[in-house]
N, C-alpha and C. Protein backbone atom coordinates (compact mmCIF):
# COMPACT_ATOMS: atom_id res chain seq x y z
N MET A 1 -3.20 -8.49 27.29
CA MET A 1 -3.57 -7.57 26.26
C MET A 1 -2.72 -6.37 26.25
N ILE A 2 -2.26 -5.96 25.15
CA ILE A 2 -1.49 -4.63 25.01
C ILE A 2 -2.18 -3.64 24.13
N PHE A 3 -2.41 -2.52 24.71
CA PHE A 3 -2.81 -1.37 23.93
C PHE A 3 -1.65 -0.34 23.88
N ILE A 4 -1.39 0.08 22.60
CA ILE A 4 -0.38 1.01 22.53
C ILE A 4 -0.98 2.22 21.80
N VAL A 5 -0.85 3.33 22.32
CA VAL A 5 -1.21 4.63 21.77
C VAL A 5 0.09 5.40 21.66
N LEU A 6 0.44 5.75 20.50
CA LEU A 6 1.72 6.54 20.30
C LEU A 6 1.39 7.77 19.62
N LEU A 7 1.52 8.86 20.15
CA LEU A 7 1.30 10.15 19.47
C LEU A 7 2.70 10.67 19.11
N THR A 8 2.85 11.03 17.78
CA THR A 8 4.11 11.36 17.34
C THR A 8 4.13 12.48 16.34
N ALA A 9 5.08 13.36 16.38
CA ALA A 9 5.20 14.23 15.21
C ALA A 9 6.09 13.53 14.19
N VAL A 10 5.65 13.34 13.05
CA VAL A 10 6.42 12.46 12.14
C VAL A 10 7.59 13.21 11.56
N ALA A 11 8.75 12.52 11.53
CA ALA A 11 10.03 13.06 11.30
C ALA A 11 10.18 13.43 9.84
N CYS A 12 9.46 12.81 9.01
CA CYS A 12 9.62 13.09 7.57
C CYS A 12 8.83 14.34 7.19
N GLN A 13 9.30 15.50 7.52
CA GLN A 13 8.62 16.82 7.20
C GLN A 13 9.28 17.49 6.11
N PRO A 14 8.45 17.48 4.97
CA PRO A 14 9.03 18.22 3.89
C PRO A 14 9.17 19.64 4.11
N SER A 15 10.13 20.28 3.46
CA SER A 15 10.44 21.67 3.72
C SER A 15 9.22 22.55 3.50
N GLY A 16 9.00 23.40 4.48
CA GLY A 16 7.87 24.34 4.46
C GLY A 16 6.55 23.85 4.69
N GLN A 17 6.45 22.51 5.14
CA GLN A 17 5.19 21.89 5.55
C GLN A 17 4.97 21.76 6.97
N LYS A 18 3.73 21.81 7.46
CA LYS A 18 3.47 21.73 8.85
C LYS A 18 3.78 20.33 9.32
N THR A 19 3.97 20.26 10.70
CA THR A 19 4.19 18.97 11.40
C THR A 19 2.95 18.10 11.22
N LEU A 20 3.11 16.86 10.96
CA LEU A 20 2.06 15.85 10.89
C LEU A 20 2.02 15.11 12.19
N ILE A 21 0.89 15.18 12.88
CA ILE A 21 0.68 14.45 14.23
C ILE A 21 -0.17 13.21 13.89
N VAL A 22 0.33 12.07 14.29
CA VAL A 22 -0.25 10.84 14.02
C VAL A 22 -0.41 10.06 15.34
N ALA A 23 -1.68 9.55 15.54
CA ALA A 23 -1.88 8.68 16.66
C ALA A 23 -1.83 7.22 16.18
N HIS A 24 -0.97 6.29 16.89
CA HIS A 24 -0.78 5.07 16.36
C HIS A 24 -1.34 4.05 17.51
N LEU A 25 -2.18 3.25 17.10
CA LEU A 25 -2.80 2.15 18.01
C LEU A 25 -2.52 0.84 17.36
N CYS A 26 -2.27 -0.08 18.24
CA CYS A 26 -2.10 -1.46 17.69
C CYS A 26 -2.61 -2.51 18.61
N ASP A 27 -3.06 -3.63 18.14
CA ASP A 27 -3.37 -4.78 18.89
C ASP A 27 -4.42 -4.60 20.01
N PRO A 28 -5.57 -3.94 19.63
CA PRO A 28 -6.58 -3.83 20.63
C PRO A 28 -7.17 -5.31 20.90
N GLN A 29 -7.14 -6.21 20.04
CA GLN A 29 -7.44 -7.55 20.18
C GLN A 29 -8.68 -7.73 21.10
N LEU A 30 -9.79 -7.10 20.79
CA LEU A 30 -11.06 -7.32 21.55
C LEU A 30 -11.47 -8.73 21.62
N GLY A 31 -11.74 -9.18 22.82
CA GLY A 31 -12.01 -10.63 23.00
C GLY A 31 -10.81 -11.44 23.56
N PHE A 32 -9.73 -10.75 23.73
CA PHE A 32 -8.47 -11.57 24.12
C PHE A 32 -8.50 -11.98 25.63
N SER A 33 -9.12 -11.13 26.42
CA SER A 33 -9.31 -11.49 27.93
C SER A 33 -10.78 -11.30 28.18
N ASP A 34 -11.04 -10.37 29.13
CA ASP A 34 -12.53 -10.12 29.46
C ASP A 34 -13.14 -9.07 28.49
N PHE A 35 -14.09 -9.55 27.79
CA PHE A 35 -14.66 -8.65 26.64
C PHE A 35 -14.99 -7.27 27.16
N SER A 36 -15.75 -7.24 28.22
CA SER A 36 -16.17 -5.90 28.71
C SER A 36 -15.02 -5.02 29.11
N ALA A 37 -14.01 -5.60 29.77
CA ALA A 37 -12.80 -4.72 30.01
C ALA A 37 -12.08 -4.42 28.80
N ASP A 38 -12.01 -5.32 27.81
CA ASP A 38 -11.18 -4.95 26.61
C ASP A 38 -11.99 -3.87 25.83
N SER A 39 -13.22 -3.98 25.79
CA SER A 39 -14.08 -2.93 25.08
C SER A 39 -13.98 -1.57 25.81
N ALA A 40 -14.02 -1.59 27.13
CA ALA A 40 -13.87 -0.37 27.86
C ALA A 40 -12.57 0.31 27.65
N ARG A 41 -11.47 -0.51 27.69
CA ARG A 41 -10.10 0.05 27.44
C ARG A 41 -9.99 0.63 26.04
N PHE A 42 -10.52 -0.09 25.02
CA PHE A 42 -10.43 0.46 23.71
C PHE A 42 -11.28 1.73 23.57
N GLY A 43 -12.38 1.71 24.19
CA GLY A 43 -13.19 2.98 24.15
C GLY A 43 -12.55 4.14 24.83
N GLN A 44 -11.79 3.89 25.86
CA GLN A 44 -11.02 4.92 26.52
C GLN A 44 -9.90 5.46 25.54
N GLU A 45 -9.22 4.51 24.86
CA GLU A 45 -8.18 4.84 23.93
C GLU A 45 -8.75 5.79 22.92
N ILE A 46 -9.93 5.41 22.35
CA ILE A 46 -10.53 6.26 21.32
C ILE A 46 -10.87 7.67 21.85
N ARG A 47 -11.43 7.76 23.10
CA ARG A 47 -11.69 9.08 23.63
C ARG A 47 -10.38 9.88 23.87
N GLN A 48 -9.32 9.25 24.35
CA GLN A 48 -8.03 9.91 24.51
C GLN A 48 -7.54 10.41 23.12
N VAL A 49 -7.60 9.56 22.13
CA VAL A 49 -7.12 10.06 20.84
C VAL A 49 -7.93 11.29 20.32
N ASN A 50 -9.20 11.19 20.50
CA ASN A 50 -9.97 12.41 20.09
C ASN A 50 -9.64 13.69 20.82
N GLU A 51 -9.35 13.53 22.15
CA GLU A 51 -8.91 14.61 22.87
C GLU A 51 -7.50 15.20 22.45
N LEU A 52 -6.78 14.37 21.86
CA LEU A 52 -5.44 14.86 21.39
C LEU A 52 -5.47 15.54 19.98
N SER A 53 -6.53 15.31 19.30
CA SER A 53 -6.77 15.87 18.01
C SER A 53 -5.63 15.68 17.02
N PRO A 54 -5.17 14.50 16.77
CA PRO A 54 -4.11 14.31 15.81
C PRO A 54 -4.66 14.47 14.37
N ASP A 55 -3.77 14.58 13.42
CA ASP A 55 -4.09 14.82 11.98
C ASP A 55 -4.65 13.52 11.38
N ALA A 56 -4.20 12.38 11.91
CA ALA A 56 -4.60 11.03 11.40
C ALA A 56 -4.43 9.93 12.51
N VAL A 57 -5.12 8.86 12.42
CA VAL A 57 -5.01 7.77 13.27
C VAL A 57 -4.60 6.55 12.45
N ILE A 58 -3.66 5.81 12.90
CA ILE A 58 -3.34 4.50 12.24
C ILE A 58 -3.48 3.44 13.30
N ILE A 59 -4.11 2.37 12.82
CA ILE A 59 -4.30 1.15 13.74
C ILE A 59 -3.74 0.02 13.02
N ALA A 60 -2.69 -0.57 13.61
CA ALA A 60 -1.78 -1.55 13.00
C ALA A 60 -2.23 -2.94 13.30
N GLY A 61 -3.46 -3.27 13.15
CA GLY A 61 -3.90 -4.65 13.12
C GLY A 61 -4.20 -5.32 14.47
N ASP A 62 -4.63 -6.60 14.32
CA ASP A 62 -5.24 -7.34 15.41
C ASP A 62 -6.33 -6.57 16.17
N LEU A 63 -7.27 -6.20 15.35
CA LEU A 63 -8.43 -5.41 15.86
C LEU A 63 -9.13 -6.36 16.84
N ILE A 64 -9.39 -7.61 16.44
CA ILE A 64 -10.08 -8.64 17.31
C ILE A 64 -9.11 -9.73 17.59
N HIS A 65 -9.41 -10.55 18.65
CA HIS A 65 -8.64 -11.61 18.98
C HIS A 65 -9.02 -12.93 18.18
N ASP A 66 -10.27 -13.11 18.09
CA ASP A 66 -10.79 -14.37 17.35
C ASP A 66 -11.42 -13.91 16.22
N THR A 67 -10.89 -14.46 15.02
CA THR A 67 -11.41 -14.11 13.76
C THR A 67 -12.95 -14.20 13.66
N GLY A 68 -13.47 -15.21 14.27
CA GLY A 68 -14.97 -15.41 14.10
C GLY A 68 -15.86 -14.71 15.15
N ASP A 69 -15.26 -13.80 15.85
CA ASP A 69 -16.03 -13.07 16.90
C ASP A 69 -16.75 -11.84 16.35
N ASP A 70 -17.94 -12.10 15.94
CA ASP A 70 -18.76 -11.01 15.38
C ASP A 70 -19.05 -9.90 16.39
N ARG A 71 -19.29 -10.21 17.55
CA ARG A 71 -19.54 -9.19 18.59
C ARG A 71 -18.29 -8.24 18.77
N ALA A 72 -17.18 -8.91 18.81
CA ALA A 72 -15.96 -8.03 18.90
C ALA A 72 -15.68 -7.20 17.66
N ALA A 73 -16.02 -7.72 16.53
CA ALA A 73 -15.82 -6.83 15.23
C ALA A 73 -16.80 -5.75 15.22
N ALA A 74 -18.05 -5.90 15.73
CA ALA A 74 -19.03 -4.96 15.69
C ALA A 74 -18.61 -3.91 16.71
N THR A 75 -18.12 -4.27 17.85
CA THR A 75 -17.67 -3.31 18.92
C THR A 75 -16.58 -2.47 18.35
N VAL A 76 -15.56 -3.13 17.68
CA VAL A 76 -14.39 -2.38 17.08
C VAL A 76 -14.88 -1.32 16.07
N ARG A 77 -15.71 -1.77 15.19
CA ARG A 77 -16.27 -0.86 14.16
C ARG A 77 -17.00 0.33 14.84
N LYS A 78 -17.88 0.06 15.82
CA LYS A 78 -18.54 1.09 16.56
C LYS A 78 -17.58 2.09 17.11
N GLN A 79 -16.55 1.63 17.87
CA GLN A 79 -15.50 2.52 18.50
C GLN A 79 -14.74 3.35 17.45
N ILE A 80 -14.31 2.67 16.39
CA ILE A 80 -13.50 3.31 15.38
C ILE A 80 -14.37 4.41 14.72
N ALA A 81 -15.64 4.24 14.60
CA ALA A 81 -16.59 5.25 13.97
C ALA A 81 -16.57 6.51 14.76
N LYS A 82 -16.27 6.47 16.07
CA LYS A 82 -16.12 7.56 17.00
C LYS A 82 -14.90 8.50 16.74
N LEU A 83 -13.97 7.99 16.12
CA LEU A 83 -12.77 8.79 15.88
C LEU A 83 -13.01 9.88 14.97
N LYS A 84 -12.55 11.09 15.38
CA LYS A 84 -12.79 12.29 14.58
C LYS A 84 -11.79 12.41 13.36
N PRO A 85 -10.47 12.07 13.62
CA PRO A 85 -9.53 12.25 12.48
C PRO A 85 -9.77 11.12 11.53
N PRO A 86 -9.16 11.26 10.34
CA PRO A 86 -9.11 10.16 9.35
C PRO A 86 -8.29 8.99 9.98
N VAL A 87 -8.85 7.77 9.71
CA VAL A 87 -8.34 6.51 10.17
C VAL A 87 -7.85 5.68 9.10
N VAL A 88 -6.68 5.03 9.30
CA VAL A 88 -6.13 3.98 8.35
C VAL A 88 -5.95 2.69 9.07
N LEU A 89 -6.55 1.66 8.77
CA LEU A 89 -6.42 0.38 9.36
C LEU A 89 -5.54 -0.59 8.47
N THR A 90 -4.92 -1.54 9.16
CA THR A 90 -4.29 -2.54 8.46
C THR A 90 -4.56 -3.84 9.16
N PRO A 91 -4.79 -4.97 8.41
CA PRO A 91 -5.12 -6.14 9.12
C PRO A 91 -3.90 -6.88 9.69
N GLY A 92 -4.24 -7.54 10.86
CA GLY A 92 -3.18 -8.41 11.53
C GLY A 92 -3.56 -9.79 11.36
N ASN A 93 -2.72 -10.65 11.97
CA ASN A 93 -2.87 -12.03 11.91
C ASN A 93 -4.11 -12.54 12.58
N HIS A 94 -4.58 -11.86 13.60
CA HIS A 94 -5.88 -12.25 14.22
C HIS A 94 -7.10 -11.86 13.44
N ASP A 95 -6.89 -10.89 12.56
CA ASP A 95 -7.99 -10.35 11.68
C ASP A 95 -8.11 -11.20 10.38
N ILE A 96 -6.99 -11.59 9.84
CA ILE A 96 -6.93 -12.50 8.71
C ILE A 96 -5.78 -13.55 9.06
N PRO A 97 -6.32 -14.70 9.51
CA PRO A 97 -5.32 -15.69 10.00
C PRO A 97 -4.49 -16.36 8.97
N ASP A 98 -3.29 -16.86 9.27
CA ASP A 98 -2.48 -17.64 8.44
C ASP A 98 -2.94 -19.04 8.32
N PRO A 99 -2.89 -19.69 7.11
CA PRO A 99 -2.72 -19.09 5.86
C PRO A 99 -3.86 -18.31 5.36
N VAL A 100 -3.68 -17.14 4.62
CA VAL A 100 -4.74 -16.35 4.12
C VAL A 100 -5.57 -17.27 3.05
N THR A 101 -6.91 -17.15 3.37
CA THR A 101 -7.80 -17.74 2.39
C THR A 101 -8.75 -16.70 1.78
N PRO A 102 -9.32 -17.01 0.61
CA PRO A 102 -10.35 -16.02 0.02
C PRO A 102 -11.43 -15.70 0.99
N GLU A 103 -11.90 -16.77 1.86
CA GLU A 103 -12.90 -16.53 2.79
C GLU A 103 -12.42 -15.58 3.79
N GLY A 104 -11.23 -15.71 4.39
CA GLY A 104 -10.63 -14.91 5.40
C GLY A 104 -10.54 -13.45 4.96
N LEU A 105 -10.14 -13.21 3.72
CA LEU A 105 -10.06 -11.92 3.13
C LEU A 105 -11.46 -11.24 3.01
N ALA A 106 -12.46 -12.13 2.45
CA ALA A 106 -13.79 -11.63 2.28
C ALA A 106 -14.40 -11.26 3.62
N ARG A 107 -14.14 -12.00 4.71
CA ARG A 107 -14.68 -11.70 5.96
C ARG A 107 -14.12 -10.39 6.44
N TYR A 108 -12.71 -10.23 6.35
CA TYR A 108 -12.15 -8.87 6.81
C TYR A 108 -12.75 -7.75 6.04
N ARG A 109 -12.78 -7.85 4.79
CA ARG A 109 -13.36 -6.71 3.91
C ARG A 109 -14.81 -6.43 4.34
N ARG A 110 -15.58 -7.48 4.56
CA ARG A 110 -16.95 -7.25 4.94
C ARG A 110 -16.99 -6.56 6.23
N LEU A 111 -16.14 -6.89 7.20
CA LEU A 111 -16.30 -6.39 8.54
C LEU A 111 -15.55 -5.01 8.73
N PHE A 112 -14.45 -4.86 8.00
CA PHE A 112 -13.57 -3.67 8.31
C PHE A 112 -13.24 -2.85 7.01
N GLY A 113 -13.73 -3.28 5.86
CA GLY A 113 -13.46 -2.57 4.71
C GLY A 113 -12.10 -3.03 3.97
N ASN A 114 -11.68 -2.22 3.06
CA ASN A 114 -10.56 -2.57 2.21
C ASN A 114 -9.32 -2.91 3.06
N ASP A 115 -8.49 -3.84 2.60
CA ASP A 115 -7.25 -4.26 3.40
C ASP A 115 -6.07 -3.53 2.82
N PHE A 116 -6.24 -2.61 1.93
CA PHE A 116 -5.16 -1.74 1.38
C PHE A 116 -5.73 -0.34 1.42
N HIS A 117 -4.98 0.60 2.03
CA HIS A 117 -5.45 2.02 2.13
C HIS A 117 -4.36 2.92 1.80
N THR A 118 -4.72 4.05 1.38
CA THR A 118 -3.83 5.18 1.21
C THR A 118 -4.52 6.47 1.84
N LEU A 119 -3.82 7.36 2.40
CA LEU A 119 -4.30 8.59 2.88
C LEU A 119 -3.35 9.68 2.69
N GLU A 120 -3.63 10.71 1.93
CA GLU A 120 -2.84 11.85 1.86
C GLU A 120 -3.05 12.78 2.95
N CYS A 121 -2.03 13.22 3.70
CA CYS A 121 -2.24 14.06 4.86
C CYS A 121 -1.05 14.99 5.10
N LYS A 122 -1.24 16.29 4.91
CA LYS A 122 -0.23 17.30 5.12
C LYS A 122 1.06 17.00 4.34
N GLY A 123 0.83 16.78 3.05
CA GLY A 123 2.03 16.55 2.20
C GLY A 123 2.66 15.20 2.31
N ARG A 124 2.09 14.21 3.05
CA ARG A 124 2.67 12.90 3.17
C ARG A 124 1.60 11.90 2.68
N LEU A 125 2.07 10.65 2.34
CA LEU A 125 1.20 9.62 1.93
C LEU A 125 1.34 8.50 2.98
N ILE A 126 0.32 8.14 3.61
CA ILE A 126 0.20 7.15 4.48
C ILE A 126 -0.34 5.84 3.80
N VAL A 127 0.45 4.87 3.76
CA VAL A 127 0.07 3.57 3.04
C VAL A 127 -0.07 2.39 3.96
N SER A 128 -1.16 1.80 3.94
CA SER A 128 -1.48 0.57 4.71
C SER A 128 -1.52 -0.57 3.86
N ALA A 129 -0.47 -1.45 3.80
CA ALA A 129 -0.46 -2.67 3.01
C ALA A 129 -0.80 -3.92 3.86
N ASN A 130 -1.36 -4.83 3.30
CA ASN A 130 -1.80 -6.06 3.97
C ASN A 130 -0.66 -7.06 4.02
N SER A 131 0.19 -6.98 5.12
CA SER A 131 1.30 -7.83 5.22
C SER A 131 0.98 -9.34 5.30
N GLN A 132 -0.32 -9.63 5.75
CA GLN A 132 -0.68 -10.95 5.72
C GLN A 132 -0.52 -11.65 4.34
N LEU A 133 -0.66 -10.86 3.31
CA LEU A 133 -0.60 -11.47 1.93
C LEU A 133 0.87 -11.60 1.53
N TRP A 134 1.84 -11.22 2.29
CA TRP A 134 3.26 -11.48 2.08
C TRP A 134 3.79 -12.82 2.63
N ARG A 135 2.85 -13.59 3.15
CA ARG A 135 3.15 -14.87 3.58
C ARG A 135 2.41 -15.88 2.68
N GLU A 136 1.86 -16.83 3.24
CA GLU A 136 1.13 -17.86 2.52
C GLU A 136 -0.24 -17.32 2.22
N ALA A 137 -0.54 -17.00 0.95
CA ALA A 137 -1.83 -16.36 0.51
C ALA A 137 -2.07 -16.59 -0.98
N PRO A 138 -3.32 -16.39 -1.39
CA PRO A 138 -3.62 -16.61 -2.77
C PRO A 138 -2.78 -15.68 -3.65
N ALA A 139 -2.18 -16.21 -4.74
CA ALA A 139 -1.30 -15.39 -5.64
C ALA A 139 -2.03 -14.22 -6.15
N GLU A 140 -3.21 -14.30 -6.58
CA GLU A 140 -3.91 -13.16 -7.15
C GLU A 140 -4.04 -11.99 -6.22
N GLU A 141 -4.35 -12.35 -4.99
CA GLU A 141 -4.57 -11.36 -3.95
C GLU A 141 -3.13 -10.64 -3.57
N ALA A 142 -2.22 -11.60 -3.42
CA ALA A 142 -0.76 -11.01 -3.10
C ALA A 142 -0.39 -10.17 -4.20
N GLY A 143 -0.60 -10.53 -5.43
CA GLY A 143 -0.17 -9.70 -6.71
C GLY A 143 -0.86 -8.38 -6.64
N ARG A 144 -2.11 -8.42 -6.24
CA ARG A 144 -2.91 -7.13 -6.20
C ARG A 144 -2.43 -6.21 -5.18
N ASN A 145 -2.08 -6.74 -3.97
CA ASN A 145 -1.51 -5.91 -2.92
C ASN A 145 -0.19 -5.37 -3.30
N ASP A 146 0.67 -6.15 -3.92
CA ASP A 146 1.96 -5.67 -4.38
C ASP A 146 1.79 -4.59 -5.50
N ARG A 147 0.87 -4.77 -6.38
CA ARG A 147 0.59 -3.75 -7.44
C ARG A 147 0.16 -2.42 -6.85
N LEU A 148 -0.77 -2.53 -5.91
CA LEU A 148 -1.29 -1.25 -5.27
C LEU A 148 -0.19 -0.60 -4.53
N LEU A 149 0.77 -1.41 -3.85
CA LEU A 149 1.81 -0.73 -3.14
C LEU A 149 2.83 -0.04 -4.16
N ARG A 150 3.15 -0.69 -5.18
CA ARG A 150 4.09 -0.16 -6.20
C ARG A 150 3.41 1.20 -6.66
N GLU A 151 2.13 1.17 -7.10
CA GLU A 151 1.43 2.36 -7.67
C GLU A 151 1.58 3.45 -6.62
N ALA A 152 1.25 3.16 -5.37
CA ALA A 152 1.18 4.18 -4.36
C ALA A 152 2.55 4.82 -4.08
N LEU A 153 3.55 4.02 -4.08
CA LEU A 153 4.97 4.49 -3.94
C LEU A 153 5.45 5.30 -5.19
N GLN A 154 5.06 4.89 -6.39
CA GLN A 154 5.38 5.60 -7.55
C GLN A 154 4.71 6.96 -7.57
N LYS A 155 3.35 7.03 -7.22
CA LYS A 155 2.66 8.29 -7.11
C LYS A 155 3.31 9.25 -6.06
N ALA A 156 3.68 8.69 -4.91
CA ALA A 156 4.43 9.50 -3.92
C ALA A 156 5.74 10.02 -4.46
N LYS A 157 6.56 9.19 -5.08
CA LYS A 157 7.85 9.62 -5.59
C LYS A 157 7.64 10.77 -6.70
N LYS A 158 6.60 10.57 -7.58
CA LYS A 158 6.31 11.46 -8.63
C LYS A 158 5.96 12.90 -7.99
N ASN A 159 5.20 12.84 -6.96
CA ASN A 159 4.68 14.06 -6.28
C ASN A 159 5.60 14.53 -5.18
N GLY A 160 6.78 13.89 -4.84
CA GLY A 160 7.78 14.33 -3.90
C GLY A 160 7.15 14.19 -2.48
N MET A 161 6.41 13.21 -2.24
CA MET A 161 5.72 13.07 -1.01
C MET A 161 6.52 11.96 -0.14
N PRO A 162 6.92 12.19 1.09
CA PRO A 162 7.30 11.23 1.89
C PRO A 162 6.22 10.25 2.22
N VAL A 163 6.62 8.92 2.46
CA VAL A 163 5.65 7.87 2.69
C VAL A 163 5.82 7.33 4.12
N ILE A 164 4.68 7.11 4.72
CA ILE A 164 4.62 6.27 5.98
C ILE A 164 4.00 5.01 5.70
N LEU A 165 4.68 3.91 5.80
CA LEU A 165 4.17 2.59 5.42
C LEU A 165 3.77 1.91 6.71
N LEU A 166 2.56 1.49 6.73
CA LEU A 166 1.96 0.80 7.77
C LEU A 166 1.73 -0.65 7.45
N THR A 167 2.24 -1.64 8.19
CA THR A 167 2.00 -2.93 8.12
C THR A 167 1.91 -3.67 9.56
N HIS A 168 1.26 -4.78 9.60
CA HIS A 168 1.20 -5.43 10.98
C HIS A 168 2.49 -6.17 11.13
N ILE A 169 2.85 -6.87 10.20
CA ILE A 169 4.13 -7.72 10.24
C ILE A 169 5.24 -6.79 9.88
N PRO A 170 6.25 -6.57 10.65
CA PRO A 170 7.46 -5.78 10.18
C PRO A 170 8.24 -6.44 9.18
N PRO A 171 8.91 -5.72 8.28
CA PRO A 171 9.81 -6.34 7.37
C PRO A 171 10.86 -7.24 7.98
N PHE A 172 11.49 -6.69 9.08
CA PHE A 172 12.46 -7.50 9.77
C PHE A 172 12.44 -6.95 11.21
N VAL A 173 13.00 -7.75 12.05
CA VAL A 173 13.03 -7.46 13.52
C VAL A 173 14.35 -6.89 13.92
N GLU A 174 15.37 -7.47 13.54
CA GLU A 174 16.78 -6.93 13.89
C GLU A 174 17.62 -6.47 12.70
N SER A 175 17.47 -7.21 11.67
CA SER A 175 18.40 -7.06 10.52
C SER A 175 17.73 -7.37 9.20
N VAL A 176 17.94 -6.59 8.15
CA VAL A 176 17.24 -6.78 6.93
C VAL A 176 17.65 -8.11 6.43
N ASP A 177 18.74 -8.74 6.69
CA ASP A 177 19.22 -10.03 6.16
C ASP A 177 18.77 -11.23 7.16
N GLU A 178 18.10 -10.93 8.20
CA GLU A 178 17.75 -12.12 9.09
C GLU A 178 16.91 -13.15 8.34
N LYS A 179 16.96 -14.35 8.94
CA LYS A 179 16.25 -15.54 8.34
C LYS A 179 14.72 -15.16 8.54
N ASP A 180 13.98 -15.99 7.67
CA ASP A 180 12.51 -15.86 7.75
C ASP A 180 12.14 -16.53 9.01
N GLU A 181 11.13 -15.70 9.70
CA GLU A 181 10.61 -16.20 11.04
C GLU A 181 9.14 -15.86 11.09
N TYR A 182 8.45 -16.20 12.08
CA TYR A 182 7.07 -15.86 12.25
C TYR A 182 6.84 -14.32 12.36
N PHE A 183 7.80 -13.61 12.97
CA PHE A 183 7.65 -12.21 13.27
C PHE A 183 8.28 -11.27 12.18
N ASN A 184 8.53 -11.81 11.01
CA ASN A 184 9.09 -10.90 9.98
C ASN A 184 8.45 -11.32 8.55
N ILE A 185 8.63 -10.36 7.70
CA ILE A 185 8.10 -10.70 6.24
C ILE A 185 9.28 -11.56 5.59
N PRO A 186 8.90 -12.58 4.80
CA PRO A 186 9.85 -13.43 4.25
C PRO A 186 10.85 -12.61 3.39
N GLN A 187 12.12 -13.11 3.33
CA GLN A 187 13.02 -12.30 2.50
C GLN A 187 12.75 -12.05 1.09
N ALA A 188 12.10 -12.96 0.40
CA ALA A 188 11.71 -12.74 -0.92
C ALA A 188 10.85 -11.50 -1.15
N LYS A 189 9.92 -11.26 -0.28
CA LYS A 189 8.97 -10.10 -0.34
C LYS A 189 9.75 -8.95 0.25
N ARG A 190 10.57 -9.14 1.38
CA ARG A 190 11.23 -8.05 2.08
C ARG A 190 12.14 -7.38 1.06
N ARG A 191 12.81 -8.02 0.18
CA ARG A 191 13.73 -7.28 -0.81
C ARG A 191 12.97 -6.73 -1.95
């Protein structure tokens, strides 16, 4: 299991605006190994983030290990509710498995809320897009995700706001022109 907490002062600082401090967590995957240990580690991460007092917290997916693990989902929700700063979640492939189904999306939304988020914070726009929908997914849902992303980006551009884009699957690993693989977004969507 890998827990990553990254506290950073975001580099895209508009002139005259204060530094944005973001805590970035990813892959808590509750239920991956020993549930009690996983839960305790995630709880410790939450306490540490609160002590650091960032402006926002982003959690980049794989909240739980097994999509059907209701106990893990309830524990994650309970721990996330303890965070003091605003939180932006994005689903990972353990939260909504490949291929994406309407049932998988409905389950995620029931357990964790919307799968597309925006948060304005200190003159920046944090956007969380559901990168699971950029693979094999229902066309209507993929289209909705794309439309929401375009609208958010257009709003940010109109308002002169830098954007922080959060996804679980990266657009590419080494090169924008790399072949489609498990660990990147397909070229058709990437472009």
